[in-house]
Amino acid sequence: MNALMTASVATADPPAGVVARGLGWASIARLGLVQAAIGAVVVLMTSTLNRVMVVELGLVAAVPGTLVGLHFAVQILRPRMGFGSDRDGRRIRWIVGGMALTSAAGLLAALATAWMTTAPTGGLVLALFAFFLLGVGISASSTPFLAYMAERVEEHRMAGAAALTWILMIVGIIMTAGIAGAFLDPFTPARLVQVAAGITIAAFLLTVFAVVGRGGSHPIHLREDAETRGAFREVLRAMWADPESRAFATFIFVSMLAYSAQDIILEPFAGAVFGMTPGESTSLAGLQHAGVLVGMIAGAFLAARLWTLTRWAATGCLGSAAALVGIVMLPATAPVGLLKGAVFALGFANGIFAVAAIGAMMGLTVKGKAGGAGLRMGFWGAAQAIAYGVGGLLGAVGSDIGREVLGSAAAGYAVVFSVEAVLFVAAAVLVVTTVRDEGRTPARDSLLQAGKAMATS
């Protein structure tokens, strides 16, 4: 095992006389298109298809909630796949192969949803396989991608690079939501499959464009300590033994538990309570993600000038809680504009939280002693994925139970949104009390550099 690991690390070193250089902002932006492609397929499967199953097909919210939960549960494979890409060093192949599975999953899920209109059992079985495949594909593509970036981005640019790539993912989500919203109306199963085919094929081609020519680049950060060279379980155990790593993973879990529940029920809520069409509710989800985009850009500038990353992460969580309370207080007869404003505010607060959390994550990755880049990124990703799966399922089931007990769809959704608000407040307290706050660092300064790069590009 040790000999194999040593050989794998050696193949990643640059040839003699070659000085490895960190990625520039243009290269970071092009690679970030991978995240945009992943976001495009994910929003199709977890948002658009979710709404179609609940509203058009009349299924209980627990059905798409279980499907979405399945694909997140499968992502417990992230640490193992990240570790595998650490060992062989061929992260580009992992990225492309994983994205091929992700795109295939998106198309299969659309076919399954259309099939449910005539053969519910067969369609559900195919949907289960599609969402399982999605979890495998994301684990195999996203984790090695983040590890690849971490190894090739200079330390002072890491947080800014993470923010930039995440923003590009949000852009991919917004564009997909807009395209799907424009072409889905009037809804038919055949139209759904056609839209899904176009989105998934485009996502795979975008990934190939993003990574073409990058296979020969050399890492500038290589972990040579003994803790990266053991068996998978040994290295994972060493990472878990780090108190700060555990504390940050707990924060990620609690905050993403709140975020995932809102994500899975927002479109069904808009359709059931405010009577929105599939196209209108999909566009509403796009508005939320537009708020996330604006919030991330604002957070990048603010975090570089004021306070610390952990405080901004807490601020984003508290803002998200306030926006959720605002949505709960809206009556069903309220103007649609008020709902849109509240949803945009929710996205804005989510964006501030996300950019600060990403910056803190990259800083911990640099400081961490146990595990290679792939394993460490997989560790955070697994915490996020498990929270997404549990939160999505609980949000869907909770809205169904609340509707039955309280006799109102609006009341059922209000209960779930209120619980999410409490979780966001708990996450805010957790991050400021358990994660070490080191103030201004080069990683935080890079958020401002990333913001300037985006403003001038």
Protein backbone atom coordinates (compact mmCIF):
# COMPACT_ATOMS: atom_id res chain seq x y z
CA MET A 1 0.00 0.00 0.00
CA ASN A 2 2.72 2.48 0.99
CA ALA A 3 4.75 1.67 -2.12
CA LEU A 4 1.75 2.18 -4.35
CA MET A 5 0.96 5.49 -2.66
CA THR A 6 4.54 6.66 -3.01
CA ALA A 7 4.51 5.80 -6.70
CA SER A 8 1.24 7.65 -7.22
CA VAL A 9 2.56 10.78 -5.56
CA ALA A 10 5.74 10.62 -7.57
CA THR A 11 3.86 10.61 -10.88
CA ALA A 12 2.14 13.83 -9.85
CA ASP A 13 5.42 15.71 -9.32
CA PRO A 14 6.53 18.06 -12.13
CA PRO A 15 9.49 16.94 -14.25
CA ALA A 16 12.95 18.07 -13.21
CA GLY A 17 13.55 21.72 -14.04
CA VAL A 18 9.82 22.51 -14.38
CA VAL A 19 8.39 24.96 -11.87
CA ALA A 20 4.69 24.32 -11.25
CA ARG A 21 2.65 27.51 -11.20
CA GLY A 22 -0.73 28.13 -9.69
CA LEU A 23 -3.79 28.60 -11.87
CA GLY A 24 -4.64 32.10 -13.04
CA TRP A 25 -8.15 33.55 -12.81
CA ALA A 26 -8.94 32.74 -16.45
CA SER A 27 -8.04 29.07 -15.94
CA ILE A 28 -9.99 28.97 -12.69
CA ALA A 29 -13.03 30.44 -14.43
CA ARG A 30 -12.88 27.89 -17.27
CA LEU A 31 -12.52 25.00 -14.86
CA GLY A 32 -15.42 26.42 -12.89
CA LEU A 33 -17.67 25.53 -15.82
CA VAL A 34 -17.58 21.98 -14.43
CA GLN A 35 -19.56 23.21 -11.44
CA ALA A 36 -21.95 25.04 -13.77
CA ALA A 37 -22.57 21.79 -15.65
CA ILE A 38 -23.17 19.84 -12.46
CA GLY A 39 -25.57 22.51 -11.21
CA ALA A 40 -27.53 22.37 -14.47
CA VAL A 41 -28.26 18.65 -14.13
CA VAL A 42 -28.92 18.81 -10.39
CA VAL A 43 -31.50 21.61 -10.64
CA LEU A 44 -33.30 19.67 -13.36
CA MET A 45 -33.58 16.54 -11.19
CA THR A 46 -34.10 18.01 -7.73
CA SER A 47 -36.26 21.01 -8.58
CA THR A 48 -38.08 20.73 -11.91
CA LEU A 49 -38.80 16.98 -11.83
CA ASN A 50 -39.71 17.27 -8.16
CA ARG A 51 -42.41 19.82 -8.95
CA VAL A 52 -43.76 17.77 -11.88
CA MET A 53 -44.09 14.66 -9.72
CA VAL A 54 -45.96 16.48 -6.95
CA VAL A 55 -48.22 18.83 -8.92
CA GLU A 56 -48.70 17.36 -12.42
CA LEU A 57 -48.57 13.67 -11.44
CA GLY A 58 -50.28 14.13 -8.07
CA LEU A 59 -47.69 12.13 -6.08
CA VAL A 60 -47.09 12.80 -2.41
CA ALA A 61 -44.02 14.94 -1.76
CA ALA A 62 -42.35 11.99 -0.03
CA VAL A 63 -41.79 10.30 -3.42
CA PRO A 64 -39.45 12.92 -4.94
CA GLY A 65 -38.15 13.59 -1.44
CA THR A 66 -37.03 9.95 -1.19
CA LEU A 67 -35.47 10.07 -4.66
CA VAL A 68 -33.52 13.22 -3.88
CA GLY A 69 -32.55 11.79 -0.51
CA LEU A 70 -31.26 8.65 -2.23
CA HIS A 71 -28.86 10.52 -4.48
CA PHE A 72 -27.49 12.46 -1.51
CA ALA A 73 -27.18 9.30 0.60
CA VAL A 74 -25.12 7.68 -2.16
CA GLN A 75 -22.69 10.58 -1.90
CA ILE A 76 -21.33 9.06 1.26
CA LEU A 77 -18.96 7.61 -1.36
CA ARG A 78 -17.33 11.03 -1.76
CA PRO A 79 -14.45 10.43 0.69
CA ARG A 80 -13.69 7.05 -0.86
CA MET A 81 -13.69 8.41 -4.41
CA GLY A 82 -11.66 11.41 -3.35
CA PHE A 83 -9.15 9.03 -1.78
CA GLY A 84 -9.10 7.00 -5.00
CA SER A 85 -8.28 10.09 -7.05
CA ASP A 86 -5.57 10.94 -4.49
CA ARG A 87 -3.93 7.58 -5.15
CA ASP A 88 -3.94 7.50 -8.95
CA GLY A 89 -3.62 11.27 -9.51
CA ARG A 90 -5.80 11.14 -12.67
CA ARG A 91 -8.41 13.60 -11.51
CA ILE A 92 -9.39 14.78 -15.02
CA ARG A 93 -10.52 11.26 -15.94
CA TRP A 94 -12.55 11.08 -12.76
CA ILE A 95 -14.18 14.43 -13.56
CA VAL A 96 -15.17 13.53 -17.14
CA GLY A 97 -16.27 9.99 -16.27
CA GLY A 98 -18.31 11.20 -13.31
CA MET A 99 -19.99 13.88 -15.41
CA ALA A 100 -20.91 11.28 -18.05
CA LEU A 101 -22.76 9.33 -15.33
CA THR A 102 -24.36 12.53 -14.01
CA SER A 103 -25.69 13.53 -17.44
CA ALA A 104 -27.00 10.02 -18.13
CA ALA A 105 -28.78 10.12 -14.78
CA GLY A 106 -30.53 13.38 -15.67
CA LEU A 107 -31.90 12.01 -18.92
CA LEU A 108 -32.97 8.71 -17.32
CA ALA A 109 -34.80 10.60 -14.57
CA ALA A 110 -36.78 12.62 -17.11
CA LEU A 111 -37.68 9.43 -19.00
CA ALA A 112 -38.74 7.83 -15.72
CA THR A 113 -40.96 10.79 -14.83
CA ALA A 114 -42.63 10.70 -18.24
CA TRP A 115 -43.08 6.94 -17.93
CA MET A 116 -44.86 7.39 -14.58
CA THR A 117 -47.82 8.91 -16.45
CA THR A 118 -48.60 5.50 -18.00
CA ALA A 119 -46.70 2.98 -15.86
CA PRO A 120 -46.18 4.35 -12.31
CA THR A 121 -44.35 1.30 -10.95
CA GLY A 122 -41.94 0.95 -13.86
CA GLY A 123 -41.29 4.68 -13.89
CA LEU A 124 -40.55 4.71 -10.16
CA VAL A 125 -38.08 1.82 -10.47
CA LEU A 126 -36.25 3.62 -13.28
CA ALA A 127 -36.27 6.83 -11.25
CA LEU A 128 -34.67 5.05 -8.30
CA PHE A 129 -31.87 3.83 -10.54
CA ALA A 130 -31.45 7.30 -12.12
CA PHE A 131 -31.12 9.08 -8.77
CA PHE A 132 -28.71 6.39 -7.50
CA LEU A 133 -26.62 6.95 -10.62
CA LEU A 134 -26.72 10.71 -10.02
CA GLY A 135 -25.20 10.26 -6.56
CA VAL A 136 -22.39 8.11 -7.95
CA GLY A 137 -21.72 10.54 -10.79
CA ILE A 138 -21.54 13.61 -8.57
CA SER A 139 -19.28 11.82 -6.08
CA ALA A 140 -16.92 10.78 -8.89
CA SER A 141 -16.81 14.20 -10.57
CA SER A 142 -17.26 16.98 -8.02
CA THR A 143 -14.90 15.66 -5.33
CA PRO A 144 -11.88 15.13 -7.63
CA PHE A 145 -12.67 18.49 -9.26
CA LEU A 146 -12.47 20.37 -5.96
CA ALA A 147 -9.31 18.46 -5.05
CA TYR A 148 -7.79 19.32 -8.44
CA MET A 149 -8.49 22.99 -7.83
CA ALA A 150 -7.10 22.93 -4.30
CA GLU A 151 -3.84 21.36 -5.49
CA ARG A 152 -3.29 23.90 -8.26
CA VAL A 153 -4.51 27.18 -6.79
CA GLU A 154 -2.09 29.29 -4.77
CA GLU A 155 -3.00 29.52 -1.12
CA HIS A 156 -3.85 33.22 -1.20
CA ARG A 157 -6.34 32.55 -4.03
CA MET A 158 -8.04 29.44 -2.65
CA ALA A 159 -11.10 31.05 -1.07
CA GLY A 160 -11.58 33.38 -4.03
CA ALA A 161 -11.29 30.46 -6.45
CA ALA A 162 -13.86 28.48 -4.48
CA ALA A 163 -16.23 31.45 -4.49
CA LEU A 164 -15.79 32.00 -8.23
CA THR A 165 -16.45 28.37 -9.15
CA TRP A 166 -19.47 28.23 -6.85
CA ILE A 167 -20.87 31.38 -8.44
CA LEU A 168 -20.48 29.76 -11.86
CA MET A 169 -22.47 26.80 -10.56
CA ILE A 170 -25.24 29.18 -9.51
CA VAL A 171 -25.12 30.76 -12.97
CA GLY A 172 -25.58 27.29 -14.47
CA ILE A 173 -28.56 26.70 -12.19
CA ILE A 174 -30.13 30.06 -13.07
CA MET A 175 -29.70 29.52 -16.81
CA THR A 176 -31.10 26.00 -16.62
CA ALA A 177 -34.08 27.13 -14.56
CA GLY A 178 -34.77 29.90 -17.07
CA ILE A 179 -34.45 27.62 -20.10
CA ALA A 180 -36.57 24.89 -18.52
CA GLY A 181 -39.17 27.42 -17.44
CA ALA A 182 -39.40 28.86 -20.95
CA PHE A 183 -39.69 25.55 -22.80
CA LEU A 184 -41.74 23.41 -20.38
CA ASP A 185 -45.00 25.34 -20.86
CA PRO A 186 -47.43 24.01 -21.98
CA PHE A 187 -46.34 20.88 -20.12
CA THR A 188 -46.31 17.45 -21.75
CA PRO A 189 -44.22 14.36 -20.84
CA ALA A 190 -42.58 14.40 -24.29
CA ARG A 191 -41.61 18.05 -23.89
CA LEU A 192 -40.09 17.26 -20.49
CA VAL A 193 -37.84 14.56 -22.02
CA GLN A 194 -36.79 16.85 -24.88
CA VAL A 195 -35.81 19.66 -22.51
CA ALA A 196 -33.91 17.23 -20.27
CA ALA A 197 -32.01 15.77 -23.23
CA GLY A 198 -30.85 19.19 -24.36
CA ILE A 199 -29.74 20.21 -20.86
CA THR A 200 -27.84 17.00 -20.05
CA ILE A 201 -26.00 16.81 -23.38
CA ALA A 202 -25.00 20.46 -23.12
CA ALA A 203 -23.78 19.89 -19.54
CA PHE A 204 -21.47 17.04 -20.57
CA LEU A 205 -20.02 18.97 -23.52
CA LEU A 206 -19.44 21.98 -21.27
CA THR A 207 -17.47 19.76 -18.86
CA VAL A 208 -15.26 18.44 -21.66
CA PHE A 209 -14.56 22.01 -22.79
CA ALA A 210 -13.71 23.04 -19.22
CA VAL A 211 -11.04 20.37 -18.67
CA VAL A 212 -9.59 19.87 -22.16
CA GLY A 213 -5.83 20.40 -22.11
CA ARG A 214 -5.61 20.35 -18.31
CA GLY A 215 -4.40 16.75 -17.90
CA GLY A 216 -0.72 17.63 -18.01
CA SER A 217 -0.74 20.40 -15.41
CA HIS A 218 1.16 19.80 -12.18
CA PRO A 219 0.05 20.30 -8.58
CA ILE A 220 1.69 23.05 -6.55
CA HIS A 221 0.48 21.58 -3.23
CA LEU A 222 1.43 17.97 -2.46
CA ARG A 223 0.86 16.36 0.93
CA GLU A 224 3.91 14.31 1.89
CA ASP A 225 3.11 13.59 5.54
CA ALA A 226 2.67 9.98 6.59
CA GLU A 227 -1.01 10.44 7.36
CA THR A 228 -1.85 10.56 3.63
CA ARG A 229 -0.22 7.18 2.93
CA GLY A 230 -2.19 4.70 4.99
CA ALA A 231 -5.28 2.69 4.15
CA PHE A 232 -8.49 4.59 3.55
CA ARG A 233 -9.99 3.85 6.96
CA GLU A 234 -6.78 4.81 8.75
CA VAL A 235 -6.50 8.17 7.01
CA LEU A 236 -10.20 8.92 7.47
CA ARG A 237 -9.95 8.05 11.15
CA ALA A 238 -7.00 10.43 11.54
CA MET A 239 -8.96 13.24 9.92
CA TRP A 240 -12.00 12.61 12.11
CA ALA A 241 -9.76 12.81 15.18
CA ASP A 242 -9.08 16.50 14.42
CA PRO A 243 -11.52 18.52 16.63
CA GLU A 244 -11.76 21.46 14.25
CA SER A 245 -12.51 19.20 11.29
CA ARG A 246 -15.32 17.58 13.26
CA ALA A 247 -16.70 20.94 14.39
CA PHE A 248 -16.76 22.32 10.86
CA ALA A 249 -18.36 19.15 9.53
CA THR A 250 -21.09 19.53 12.17
CA PHE A 251 -21.69 23.14 11.12
CA ILE A 252 -21.93 22.07 7.47
CA PHE A 253 -24.39 19.33 8.40
CA VAL A 254 -26.73 21.55 10.44
CA SER A 255 -26.73 24.47 7.98
CA MET A 256 -27.22 22.23 4.94
CA LEU A 257 -29.98 20.36 6.76
CA ALA A 258 -31.89 23.66 6.86
CA TYR A 259 -31.01 24.60 3.29
CA SER A 260 -31.96 21.27 1.75
CA ALA A 261 -35.43 21.21 3.27
CA GLN A 262 -36.29 24.58 1.72
CA ASP A 263 -34.82 23.52 -1.62
CA ILE A 264 -37.00 20.45 -2.01
CA ILE A 265 -40.36 22.04 -1.13
CA LEU A 266 -40.09 25.57 -2.53
CA GLU A 267 -41.50 24.79 -5.99
CA PRO A 268 -44.30 22.51 -4.73
CA PHE A 269 -45.12 25.22 -2.16
CA ALA A 270 -45.41 27.84 -4.90
CA GLY A 271 -47.63 25.58 -6.97
CA ALA A 272 -49.89 24.31 -4.18
CA VAL A 273 -50.29 27.54 -2.18
CA PHE A 274 -49.90 30.30 -4.78
CA GLY A 275 -51.17 28.39 -7.82
CA MET A 276 -48.08 28.85 -9.97
CA THR A 277 -47.62 26.82 -13.19
CA PRO A 278 -44.56 24.56 -13.67
CA GLY A 279 -42.85 27.26 -15.71
CA GLU A 280 -43.65 29.97 -13.15
CA SER A 281 -42.45 27.96 -10.15
CA THR A 282 -39.28 26.94 -12.01
CA SER A 283 -38.63 30.60 -12.73
CA LEU A 284 -39.20 31.34 -9.03
CA ALA A 285 -36.47 28.83 -8.18
CA GLY A 286 -34.28 30.65 -10.68
CA LEU A 287 -35.01 33.91 -8.85
CA GLN A 288 -33.88 32.33 -5.59
CA HIS A 289 -30.63 31.22 -7.19
CA ALA A 290 -30.19 34.71 -8.66
CA GLY A 291 -30.37 35.98 -5.10
CA VAL A 292 -27.70 33.45 -4.14
CA LEU A 293 -25.48 34.77 -6.94
CA VAL A 294 -25.87 38.39 -5.85
CA GLY A 295 -25.36 37.38 -2.22
CA MET A 296 -22.14 35.54 -2.99
CA ILE A 297 -20.70 38.50 -4.90
CA ALA A 298 -21.68 40.86 -2.08
CA GLY A 299 -20.32 38.43 0.50
CA ALA A 300 -17.00 38.18 -1.32
CA PHE A 301 -16.45 41.94 -1.06
CA LEU A 302 -17.81 42.29 2.47
CA ALA A 303 -15.83 39.37 3.92
CA ALA A 304 -12.61 40.84 2.52
CA ARG A 305 -13.23 44.18 4.24
CA LEU A 306 -15.15 43.53 7.45
CA TRP A 307 -15.30 40.92 10.19
CA THR A 308 -14.21 37.34 9.67
CA LEU A 309 -15.42 34.43 7.57
CA THR A 310 -17.09 32.65 10.47
CA ARG A 311 -19.04 35.79 11.41
CA TRP A 312 -20.23 36.23 7.82
CA ALA A 313 -21.24 32.58 7.69
CA ALA A 314 -23.30 33.15 10.83
CA THR A 315 -24.78 36.35 9.37
CA GLY A 316 -25.88 34.46 6.25
CA CYS A 317 -27.53 31.79 8.41
CA LEU A 318 -29.40 34.39 10.46
CA GLY A 319 -30.51 36.22 7.30
CA SER A 320 -31.79 32.95 5.86
CA ALA A 321 -33.79 32.34 9.03
CA ALA A 322 -35.34 35.81 8.83
CA ALA A 323 -36.32 35.31 5.17
CA LEU A 324 -37.96 31.98 5.96
CA VAL A 325 -40.00 33.62 8.72
CA GLY A 326 -41.08 36.23 6.17
CA ILE A 327 -42.26 33.52 3.76
CA VAL A 328 -44.22 31.83 6.55
CA MET A 329 -46.00 35.07 7.39
CA LEU A 330 -47.19 35.65 3.81
CA PRO A 331 -50.89 34.82 3.33
CA ALA A 332 -51.94 32.84 0.25
CA THR A 333 -53.70 35.95 -1.03
CA ALA A 334 -50.55 38.08 -0.86
CA PRO A 335 -49.29 39.60 -4.13
CA VAL A 336 -46.89 37.33 -5.99
CA GLY A 337 -44.35 40.16 -5.91
CA LEU A 338 -44.04 39.83 -2.13
CA LEU A 339 -43.34 36.11 -2.46
CA LYS A 340 -40.72 36.79 -5.09
CA GLY A 341 -39.08 39.40 -2.87
CA ALA A 342 -38.95 37.04 0.09
CA VAL A 343 -37.54 34.23 -2.05
CA PHE A 344 -34.87 36.55 -3.48
CA ALA A 345 -33.95 37.68 0.05
CA LEU A 346 -33.65 34.03 1.08
CA GLY A 347 -31.29 33.38 -1.81
CA PHE A 348 -29.26 36.50 -1.00
CA ALA A 349 -28.72 35.39 2.59
CA ASN A 350 -27.91 31.86 1.42
CA GLY A 351 -25.25 33.35 -0.88
CA ILE A 352 -23.53 35.26 1.92
CA PHE A 353 -23.51 32.13 4.05
CA ALA A 354 -22.16 29.99 1.19
CA VAL A 355 -19.24 32.21 0.20
CA ALA A 356 -18.10 32.55 3.81
CA ALA A 357 -18.43 28.81 4.46
CA ILE A 358 -16.49 27.98 1.28
CA GLY A 359 -13.68 30.34 2.25
CA ALA A 360 -13.48 28.79 5.71
CA MET A 361 -13.48 25.30 4.18
CA MET A 362 -10.58 26.10 1.88
CA GLY A 363 -8.63 27.54 4.80
CA LEU A 364 -9.17 24.39 6.84
CA THR A 365 -8.11 22.27 3.85
CA VAL A 366 -4.80 24.12 3.69
CA LYS A 367 -4.22 23.84 7.44
CA GLY A 368 -5.34 20.22 7.80
CA LYS A 369 -2.77 17.60 8.64
CA ALA A 370 -4.58 14.34 7.83
CA GLY A 371 -5.61 13.18 4.38
CA GLY A 372 -4.96 14.28 0.82
CA ALA A 373 -6.98 16.94 -1.00
CA GLY A 374 -9.44 14.42 -2.42
CA LEU A 375 -10.21 12.81 0.93
CA ARG A 376 -10.57 16.13 2.75
CA MET A 377 -12.89 17.54 0.11
CA GLY A 378 -14.82 14.30 0.17
CA PHE A 379 -15.16 14.58 3.94
CA TRP A 380 -16.85 18.00 3.70
CA GLY A 381 -18.88 16.85 0.71
CA ALA A 382 -20.14 13.78 2.54
CA ALA A 383 -21.30 15.90 5.49
CA GLN A 384 -23.13 18.18 3.08
CA ALA A 385 -24.64 15.30 1.09
CA ILE A 386 -25.92 13.42 4.12
CA ALA A 387 -27.53 16.61 5.40
CA TYR A 388 -29.11 17.24 2.02
CA GLY A 389 -30.53 13.73 1.89
CA VAL A 390 -31.91 13.78 5.43
CA GLY A 391 -33.16 17.37 5.17
CA GLY A 392 -34.84 16.87 1.82
CA LEU A 393 -36.64 13.77 3.00
CA LEU A 394 -37.70 15.31 6.32
CA GLY A 395 -38.87 18.47 4.56
CA ALA A 396 -41.01 16.52 2.11
CA VAL A 397 -42.42 14.13 4.73
CA GLY A 398 -42.91 16.98 7.19
CA SER A 399 -44.96 18.99 4.70
CA ASP A 400 -47.14 15.92 4.00
CA ILE A 401 -47.69 15.21 7.72
CA GLY A 402 -48.33 18.88 8.47
CA ARG A 403 -50.91 19.03 5.69
CA GLU A 404 -52.76 15.99 7.05
CA VAL A 405 -52.63 17.02 10.71
CA LEU A 406 -53.40 20.71 10.21
CA GLY A 407 -55.74 20.21 7.25
CA SER A 408 -53.98 22.79 5.08
CA ALA A 409 -51.13 22.65 2.58
CA ALA A 410 -50.07 26.17 3.54
CA ALA A 411 -49.88 25.23 7.23
CA GLY A 412 -47.86 22.11 6.46
CA TYR A 413 -45.27 24.07 4.51
CA ALA A 414 -45.21 26.78 7.22
CA VAL A 415 -44.21 24.22 9.85
CA VAL A 416 -41.28 23.01 7.74
CA PHE A 417 -40.08 26.54 6.95
CA SER A 418 -40.23 27.42 10.67
CA VAL A 419 -38.11 24.40 11.64
CA GLU A 420 -35.58 25.36 8.97
CA ALA A 421 -35.33 28.86 10.47
CA VAL A 422 -34.52 27.36 13.87
CA LEU A 423 -31.81 25.15 12.33
CA PHE A 424 -30.21 28.15 10.61
CA VAL A 425 -30.04 29.98 13.94
CA ALA A 426 -28.47 26.90 15.56
CA ALA A 427 -25.87 26.72 12.75
CA ALA A 428 -25.00 30.40 13.28
CA VAL A 429 -24.35 29.80 16.97
CA LEU A 430 -22.34 26.66 16.21
CA VAL A 431 -19.95 28.23 13.71
CA VAL A 432 -19.04 31.23 15.88
CA THR A 433 -18.53 29.16 19.01
CA THR A 434 -16.72 26.03 17.77
CA VAL A 435 -14.68 26.99 14.69
CA ARG A 436 -11.47 28.89 15.34
CA ASP A 437 -11.68 32.52 14.20
CA GLU A 438 -8.30 33.76 13.02
CA GLY A 439 -9.35 37.11 11.60
CA ARG A 440 -7.89 38.49 8.38
CA THR A 441 -5.87 35.95 6.36
CA PRO A 442 -4.45 35.79 2.83
CA ALA A 443 -7.29 33.39 1.97
CA ARG A 444 -9.84 36.00 2.95
CA ASP A 445 -8.03 38.69 0.95
CA SER A 446 -8.44 36.48 -2.11
CA LEU A 447 -12.21 36.89 -1.91
CA LEU A 448 -11.74 40.55 -2.82
CA GLN A 449 -9.39 39.59 -5.66
CA ALA A 450 -11.96 37.14 -6.99
CA GLY A 451 -14.65 39.78 -6.83
CA LYS A 452 -12.50 42.24 -8.75
CA ALA A 453 -11.70 39.57 -11.33
CA MET A 454 -15.41 38.89 -11.85
CA ALA A 455 -16.20 42.59 -12.08
CA THR A 456 -13.58 43.20 -14.77
CA SER A 457 -14.14 39.99 -16.78
